Amino acid sequence: MRRSRSDMGIVEDFCESKGYGLVAELGLEWLVGSWEHWAMAVSTGQIGTVRAEHINMLDGRQILHEIMDAMPEEVSESLRVRICAADAIFLESTIPLANSRA
């Protein structure tokens, strides 16, 4: 259920203004949890070959970066620790491709 504009916090307002409606609706905790879940799925090979899903999750990580950059005081230390841990899992499980175009 979508929250009313008056019930939204600063992060949700930011996401709404950027067009990140799902994040505005479900919140930062949901976005962090989604990134953690995806990083773990990648590390255990439990992902499919659906490229769009992978791109969506990387977009989610980019949104996390934007939030942390724009309003660092709104992201708690415990969320930062979780994000960094998921980043480490993801990076250990992937191989960067230079100049890749797929």
N, C-alpha and C. Protein backbone atom coordinates (compact mmCIF):
# COMPACT_ATOMS: atom_id res chain seq x y z
N MET A 1 0.83 -1.18 0.00
CA MET A 1 0.00 0.00 0.00
C MET A 1 0.88 1.24 0.00
N ARG A 2 0.62 2.13 -0.91
CA ARG A 2 1.40 3.36 -1.04
C ARG A 2 1.10 4.31 0.11
N ARG A 3 2.15 4.86 0.69
CA ARG A 3 1.99 5.82 1.78
C ARG A 3 1.62 7.19 1.22
N SER A 4 0.93 7.98 2.02
CA SER A 4 0.61 9.34 1.59
C SER A 4 1.88 10.18 1.62
N ARG A 5 1.89 11.24 0.87
CA ARG A 5 3.06 12.12 0.79
C ARG A 5 3.49 12.61 2.18
N SER A 6 2.53 12.89 3.05
CA SER A 6 2.86 13.41 4.38
C SER A 6 3.52 12.36 5.27
N ASP A 7 3.35 11.07 4.95
CA ASP A 7 3.95 10.01 5.75
C ASP A 7 5.37 9.66 5.30
N MET A 8 5.82 10.25 4.21
CA MET A 8 7.13 9.93 3.68
C MET A 8 8.22 10.68 4.42
N GLY A 9 9.36 10.02 4.58
CA GLY A 9 10.51 10.66 5.19
C GLY A 9 11.36 11.35 4.13
N ILE A 10 12.48 11.86 4.56
CA ILE A 10 13.38 12.59 3.67
C ILE A 10 13.89 11.71 2.54
N VAL A 11 14.29 10.49 2.86
CA VAL A 11 14.80 9.57 1.84
C VAL A 11 13.71 9.25 0.83
N GLU A 12 12.52 8.97 1.32
CA GLU A 12 11.41 8.64 0.43
C GLU A 12 11.06 9.83 -0.46
N ASP A 13 11.09 11.05 0.10
CA ASP A 13 10.85 12.26 -0.70
C ASP A 13 11.90 12.38 -1.80
N PHE A 14 13.16 12.15 -1.45
CA PHE A 14 14.24 12.21 -2.43
C PHE A 14 14.00 11.21 -3.55
N CYS A 15 13.66 9.98 -3.18
CA CYS A 15 13.42 8.93 -4.18
C CYS A 15 12.23 9.28 -5.06
N GLU A 16 11.18 9.80 -4.47
CA GLU A 16 10.00 10.21 -5.24
C GLU A 16 10.38 11.29 -6.24
N SER A 17 11.19 12.25 -5.82
CA SER A 17 11.58 13.35 -6.71
C SER A 17 12.45 12.88 -7.86
N LYS A 18 13.18 11.78 -7.66
CA LYS A 18 14.05 11.23 -8.70
C LYS A 18 13.33 10.24 -9.61
N GLY A 19 12.08 9.93 -9.27
CA GLY A 19 11.33 8.96 -10.07
C GLY A 19 11.53 7.53 -9.64
N TYR A 20 12.05 7.32 -8.43
CA TYR A 20 12.26 5.97 -7.90
C TYR A 20 11.06 5.59 -7.03
N GLY A 21 9.91 5.48 -7.67
CA GLY A 21 8.65 5.28 -6.96
C GLY A 21 8.61 4.06 -6.08
N LEU A 22 9.15 2.94 -6.55
CA LEU A 22 9.11 1.71 -5.76
C LEU A 22 9.93 1.87 -4.47
N VAL A 23 11.07 2.51 -4.58
CA VAL A 23 11.90 2.74 -3.39
C VAL A 23 11.20 3.73 -2.46
N ALA A 24 10.57 4.76 -3.02
CA ALA A 24 9.83 5.72 -2.20
C ALA A 24 8.71 5.01 -1.45
N GLU A 25 8.09 4.05 -2.11
CA GLU A 25 6.97 3.33 -1.50
C GLU A 25 7.43 2.32 -0.46
N LEU A 26 8.47 1.55 -0.77
CA LEU A 26 8.88 0.45 0.10
C LEU A 26 9.99 0.82 1.08
N GLY A 27 10.76 1.85 0.79
CA GLY A 27 11.72 2.37 1.75
C GLY A 27 13.15 1.88 1.59
N LEU A 28 14.02 2.55 2.30
CA LEU A 28 15.46 2.27 2.26
C LEU A 28 15.80 0.89 2.79
N GLU A 29 15.15 0.49 3.86
CA GLU A 29 15.39 -0.84 4.44
C GLU A 29 15.12 -1.93 3.40
N TRP A 30 14.05 -1.78 2.65
CA TRP A 30 13.71 -2.74 1.59
C TRP A 30 14.80 -2.77 0.52
N LEU A 31 15.28 -1.58 0.12
CA LEU A 31 16.30 -1.51 -0.93
C LEU A 31 17.59 -2.17 -0.47
N VAL A 32 17.99 -1.92 0.76
CA VAL A 32 19.20 -2.56 1.30
C VAL A 32 19.01 -4.07 1.36
N GLY A 33 17.87 -4.51 1.84
CA GLY A 33 17.59 -5.95 1.90
C GLY A 33 17.60 -6.60 0.53
N SER A 34 17.08 -5.90 -0.47
CA SER A 34 17.09 -6.43 -1.84
C SER A 34 18.51 -6.58 -2.36
N TRP A 35 19.36 -5.59 -2.07
CA TRP A 35 20.76 -5.66 -2.49
C TRP A 35 21.49 -6.81 -1.79
N GLU A 36 21.22 -6.98 -0.50
CA GLU A 36 21.83 -8.09 0.24
C GLU A 36 21.40 -9.43 -0.36
N HIS A 37 20.12 -9.56 -0.64
CA HIS A 37 19.58 -10.80 -1.19
C HIS A 37 20.22 -11.09 -2.56
N TRP A 38 20.33 -10.08 -3.40
CA TRP A 38 20.90 -10.26 -4.73
C TRP A 38 22.38 -10.63 -4.63
N ALA A 39 23.13 -9.96 -3.78
CA ALA A 39 24.56 -10.27 -3.63
C ALA A 39 24.74 -11.72 -3.20
N MET A 40 23.92 -12.17 -2.27
CA MET A 40 24.01 -13.56 -1.81
C MET A 40 23.63 -14.53 -2.93
N ALA A 41 22.60 -14.19 -3.69
CA ALA A 41 22.18 -15.05 -4.81
C ALA A 41 23.29 -15.16 -5.85
N VAL A 42 23.95 -14.05 -6.14
CA VAL A 42 25.06 -14.07 -7.09
C VAL A 42 26.19 -14.94 -6.55
N SER A 43 26.51 -14.79 -5.27
CA SER A 43 27.64 -15.53 -4.70
C SER A 43 27.40 -17.04 -4.65
N THR A 44 26.15 -17.45 -4.58
CA THR A 44 25.84 -18.88 -4.50
C THR A 44 25.36 -19.46 -5.83
N GLY A 45 25.40 -18.63 -6.87
CA GLY A 45 25.00 -19.10 -8.19
C GLY A 45 23.51 -19.32 -8.34
N GLN A 46 22.71 -18.69 -7.50
CA GLN A 46 21.26 -18.88 -7.53
C GLN A 46 20.55 -17.82 -8.36
N ILE A 47 21.24 -17.29 -9.34
CA ILE A 47 20.60 -16.31 -10.21
C ILE A 47 20.36 -16.94 -11.56
N GLY A 48 19.36 -16.45 -12.21
CA GLY A 48 19.07 -16.92 -13.55
C GLY A 48 19.91 -16.15 -14.55
N THR A 49 19.57 -16.31 -15.78
CA THR A 49 20.31 -15.61 -16.83
C THR A 49 19.53 -14.42 -17.35
N VAL A 50 18.57 -13.96 -16.60
CA VAL A 50 17.76 -12.82 -17.02
C VAL A 50 18.57 -11.54 -16.81
N ARG A 51 19.06 -11.01 -17.90
CA ARG A 51 19.92 -9.83 -17.84
C ARG A 51 19.18 -8.63 -17.24
N ALA A 52 17.91 -8.49 -17.55
CA ALA A 52 17.13 -7.36 -17.04
C ALA A 52 17.09 -7.35 -15.52
N GLU A 53 16.97 -8.53 -14.91
CA GLU A 53 16.95 -8.60 -13.45
C GLU A 53 18.28 -8.13 -12.87
N HIS A 54 19.36 -8.55 -13.49
CA HIS A 54 20.69 -8.14 -13.04
C HIS A 54 20.84 -6.63 -13.15
N ILE A 55 20.43 -6.08 -14.27
CA ILE A 55 20.51 -4.63 -14.47
C ILE A 55 19.66 -3.89 -13.45
N ASN A 56 18.46 -4.40 -13.17
CA ASN A 56 17.60 -3.77 -12.16
C ASN A 56 18.28 -3.73 -10.80
N MET A 57 18.95 -4.80 -10.43
CA MET A 57 19.61 -4.83 -9.12
C MET A 57 20.80 -3.88 -9.09
N LEU A 58 21.52 -3.77 -10.18
CA LEU A 58 22.62 -2.80 -10.24
C LEU A 58 22.07 -1.37 -10.19
N ASP A 59 20.91 -1.16 -10.81
CA ASP A 59 20.25 0.15 -10.69
C ASP A 59 19.90 0.43 -9.23
N GLY A 60 19.43 -0.59 -8.52
CA GLY A 60 19.12 -0.43 -7.10
C GLY A 60 20.35 -0.04 -6.31
N ARG A 61 21.48 -0.65 -6.64
CA ARG A 61 22.73 -0.30 -5.94
C ARG A 61 23.13 1.13 -6.26
N GLN A 62 22.89 1.56 -7.50
CA GLN A 62 23.18 2.95 -7.87
C GLN A 62 22.30 3.92 -7.08
N ILE A 63 21.05 3.55 -6.87
CA ILE A 63 20.16 4.38 -6.06
C ILE A 63 20.68 4.48 -4.63
N LEU A 64 21.15 3.37 -4.08
CA LEU A 64 21.76 3.42 -2.74
C LEU A 64 22.93 4.41 -2.71
N HIS A 65 23.75 4.36 -3.73
CA HIS A 65 24.89 5.29 -3.82
C HIS A 65 24.39 6.73 -3.84
N GLU A 66 23.38 7.01 -4.64
CA GLU A 66 22.84 8.36 -4.74
C GLU A 66 22.30 8.84 -3.40
N ILE A 67 21.59 7.97 -2.71
CA ILE A 67 21.04 8.34 -1.39
C ILE A 67 22.16 8.63 -0.41
N MET A 68 23.17 7.76 -0.36
CA MET A 68 24.27 7.95 0.58
C MET A 68 25.07 9.20 0.26
N ASP A 69 25.18 9.53 -1.03
CA ASP A 69 25.91 10.72 -1.44
C ASP A 69 25.12 12.00 -1.15
N ALA A 70 23.82 11.98 -1.43
CA ALA A 70 22.99 13.17 -1.29
C ALA A 70 22.62 13.48 0.15
N MET A 71 22.45 12.45 0.96
CA MET A 71 22.01 12.66 2.34
C MET A 71 22.63 11.63 3.27
N PRO A 72 23.94 11.71 3.45
CA PRO A 72 24.63 10.69 4.25
C PRO A 72 24.10 10.57 5.68
N GLU A 73 23.59 11.65 6.22
CA GLU A 73 23.09 11.62 7.60
C GLU A 73 21.82 10.80 7.75
N GLU A 74 21.15 10.49 6.65
CA GLU A 74 19.91 9.72 6.69
C GLU A 74 20.14 8.21 6.62
N VAL A 75 21.38 7.80 6.36
CA VAL A 75 21.70 6.37 6.26
C VAL A 75 22.44 5.97 7.53
N SER A 76 21.81 5.14 8.33
CA SER A 76 22.40 4.75 9.62
C SER A 76 23.68 3.94 9.41
N GLU A 77 24.49 3.92 10.44
CA GLU A 77 25.74 3.15 10.39
C GLU A 77 25.45 1.67 10.17
N SER A 78 24.39 1.16 10.79
CA SER A 78 24.07 -0.26 10.62
C SER A 78 23.69 -0.58 9.17
N LEU A 79 22.99 0.34 8.50
CA LEU A 79 22.68 0.12 7.08
C LEU A 79 23.94 0.21 6.24
N ARG A 80 24.83 1.14 6.57
CA ARG A 80 26.09 1.25 5.82
C ARG A 80 26.92 -0.03 5.94
N VAL A 81 26.96 -0.60 7.12
CA VAL A 81 27.69 -1.85 7.33
C VAL A 81 27.08 -2.95 6.46
N ARG A 82 25.77 -3.03 6.44
CA ARG A 82 25.09 -4.05 5.63
C ARG A 82 25.36 -3.84 4.14
N ILE A 83 25.32 -2.59 3.68
CA ILE A 83 25.58 -2.29 2.27
C ILE A 83 27.01 -2.68 1.91
N CYS A 84 27.96 -2.30 2.75
CA CYS A 84 29.37 -2.64 2.48
C CYS A 84 29.60 -4.15 2.47
N ALA A 85 28.95 -4.86 3.36
CA ALA A 85 29.08 -6.32 3.39
C ALA A 85 28.52 -6.94 2.12
N ALA A 86 27.36 -6.46 1.68
CA ALA A 86 26.76 -6.97 0.44
C ALA A 86 27.63 -6.62 -0.76
N ASP A 87 28.19 -5.41 -0.77
CA ASP A 87 29.10 -5.02 -1.85
C ASP A 87 30.29 -5.97 -1.93
N ALA A 88 30.87 -6.29 -0.78
CA ALA A 88 32.03 -7.18 -0.75
C ALA A 88 31.67 -8.56 -1.28
N ILE A 89 30.53 -9.08 -0.88
CA ILE A 89 30.07 -10.39 -1.37
C ILE A 89 29.89 -10.34 -2.88
N PHE A 90 29.24 -9.28 -3.37
CA PHE A 90 28.99 -9.15 -4.80
C PHE A 90 30.31 -9.06 -5.57
N LEU A 91 31.22 -8.22 -5.10
CA LEU A 91 32.49 -8.03 -5.80
C LEU A 91 33.35 -9.28 -5.81
N GLU A 92 33.31 -10.04 -4.73
CA GLU A 92 34.07 -11.30 -4.67
C GLU A 92 33.50 -12.35 -5.62
N SER A 93 32.25 -12.18 -6.00
CA SER A 93 31.55 -13.20 -6.79
C SER A 93 31.44 -12.85 -8.27
N THR A 94 31.96 -11.72 -8.66
CA THR A 94 31.81 -11.28 -10.05
C THR A 94 33.16 -10.95 -10.65
N ILE A 95 33.19 -10.90 -11.96
CA ILE A 95 34.40 -10.56 -12.68
C ILE A 95 34.09 -9.34 -13.54
N PRO A 96 34.78 -8.23 -13.31
CA PRO A 96 34.53 -7.04 -14.13
C PRO A 96 35.04 -7.25 -15.55
N LEU A 97 34.31 -6.76 -16.51
CA LEU A 97 34.71 -6.84 -17.91
C LEU A 97 35.00 -5.43 -18.39
N ALA A 98 36.21 -5.20 -18.87
CA ALA A 98 36.58 -3.88 -19.37
C ALA A 98 35.90 -3.62 -20.69
N ASN A 99 35.32 -2.46 -20.81
CA ASN A 99 34.69 -2.02 -22.06
C ASN A 99 33.71 -3.03 -22.62
N SER A 100 32.98 -3.69 -21.76
CA SER A 100 32.05 -4.70 -22.26
C SER A 100 30.78 -4.05 -22.77
N ARG A 101 30.27 -4.59 -23.83
CA ARG A 101 28.99 -4.17 -24.40
C ARG A 101 28.21 -5.44 -24.68
N ALA A 102 27.11 -5.57 -23.97
CA ALA A 102 26.31 -6.79 -24.18
C ALA A 102 24.93 -6.45 -24.67
